[in-house]
Amino acid sequence: MLGKTLAKIDWFYPILAVVLIALSALGLFTLNSIFKGVNTASEFDPQVANTKIKIDGDNLNKAYSAVFDKQILRLEFTQ
C-alpha cells in the first residue's frame, strides 16, 4: 500500500512552483516597465521648451503684496 502511495506523484507542488515563477517574472517585467516609464517621463529636453519667458515685474509685485501684506482682521469679543 505504501509503495502505491509513493509511486503516485503529487502534482500540486511542481505546478505551484511553475505558477509562482511565472508570476514573479510577470511582476518583475511590470515593475521594470513602470520604472522605465518614470525614468523617461522625468527626463527634460531643453529643445522642447525653447521659448523665452517674459515676467511682468509689476504684476508679480502686486500679487506678492496682495498675498503677504494684507491686513489681518481681528475680532474683539466682549462680554
Protein backbone atom coordinates (compact mmCIF):
# COMPACT_ATOMS: atom_id res chain seq x y z
CA MET A 1 0.00 0.00 0.00
CA LEU A 2 2.83 2.38 0.86
CA GLY A 3 4.53 1.57 -2.44
CA LYS A 4 1.45 2.67 -4.39
CA THR A 5 1.26 5.94 -2.45
CA LEU A 6 4.93 6.78 -3.01
CA ALA A 7 4.76 5.86 -6.68
CA LYS A 8 1.92 8.30 -7.25
CA ILE A 9 3.27 11.78 -8.00
CA ASP A 10 1.68 14.74 -6.28
CA TRP A 11 1.45 17.44 -8.98
CA PHE A 12 0.41 20.28 -6.69
CA TYR A 13 3.89 21.48 -5.69
CA PRO A 14 5.53 21.39 -9.16
CA ILE A 15 2.57 23.25 -10.64
CA LEU A 16 2.65 25.73 -7.74
CA ALA A 17 6.36 26.33 -8.34
CA VAL A 18 5.82 26.93 -12.06
CA VAL A 19 2.94 29.34 -11.40
CA LEU A 20 4.95 31.26 -8.78
CA ILE A 21 7.94 31.53 -11.10
CA ALA A 22 5.70 32.79 -13.92
CA LEU A 23 4.02 35.34 -11.65
CA SER A 24 7.34 36.61 -10.32
CA ALA A 25 8.64 37.00 -13.89
CA LEU A 26 5.48 38.91 -14.82
CA GLY A 27 5.84 41.11 -11.72
CA LEU A 28 9.49 41.90 -12.50
CA PHE A 29 8.60 42.73 -16.11
CA THR A 30 5.79 45.03 -14.93
CA LEU A 31 7.99 46.84 -12.40
CA ASN A 32 10.73 47.22 -14.99
CA SER A 33 8.25 48.78 -17.43
CA ILE A 34 6.90 51.15 -14.77
CA PHE A 35 10.36 52.32 -13.73
CA LYS A 36 11.42 52.81 -17.35
CA GLY A 37 8.32 54.95 -17.89
CA VAL A 38 9.03 57.04 -14.79
CA ASN A 39 12.64 57.49 -15.87
CA THR A 40 11.61 58.55 -19.36
CA ALA A 41 8.99 60.96 -18.02
CA SER A 42 11.48 62.59 -15.65
CA GLU A 43 13.93 63.46 -18.43
CA PHE A 44 13.68 67.04 -19.62
CA ASP A 45 14.62 68.08 -23.13
CA PRO A 46 15.55 71.79 -23.28
CA GLN A 47 14.89 71.80 -27.04
CA VAL A 48 11.18 71.31 -26.39
CA ALA A 49 10.78 74.45 -24.29
CA ASN A 50 12.87 76.84 -26.34
CA THR A 51 10.61 79.84 -25.80
CA LYS A 52 11.58 82.99 -24.00
CA ILE A 53 9.68 83.70 -20.81
CA LYS A 54 8.74 87.26 -20.02
CA ILE A 55 7.82 88.07 -16.43
CA ASP A 56 5.90 91.23 -15.70
CA GLY A 57 7.54 92.54 -12.55
CA ASP A 58 4.75 94.96 -11.65
CA ASN A 59 2.07 92.29 -11.69
CA LEU A 60 4.32 89.94 -9.76
CA ASN A 61 4.93 92.56 -7.07
CA LYS A 62 1.19 93.34 -6.88
CA ALA A 63 0.36 89.68 -6.43
CA TYR A 64 3.04 89.26 -3.77
CA SER A 65 1.85 92.28 -1.82
CA ALA A 66 -1.79 91.20 -2.13
CA VAL A 67 -0.96 87.85 -0.57
CA PHE A 68 1.61 88.70 2.07
CA ASP A 69 0.93 92.33 3.00
CA LYS A 70 -2.81 92.17 3.60
CA GLN A 71 -4.30 93.40 6.82
CA ILE A 72 -5.40 90.80 9.33
CA LEU A 73 -8.87 91.37 10.67
CA ARG A 74 -9.00 90.94 14.41
CA LEU A 75 -12.25 90.11 16.11
CA GLU A 76 -12.80 91.54 19.56
CA PHE A 77 -15.24 89.64 21.72
CA THR A 78 -16.86 91.49 24.58
CA GLN A 79 -18.97 90.10 27.33
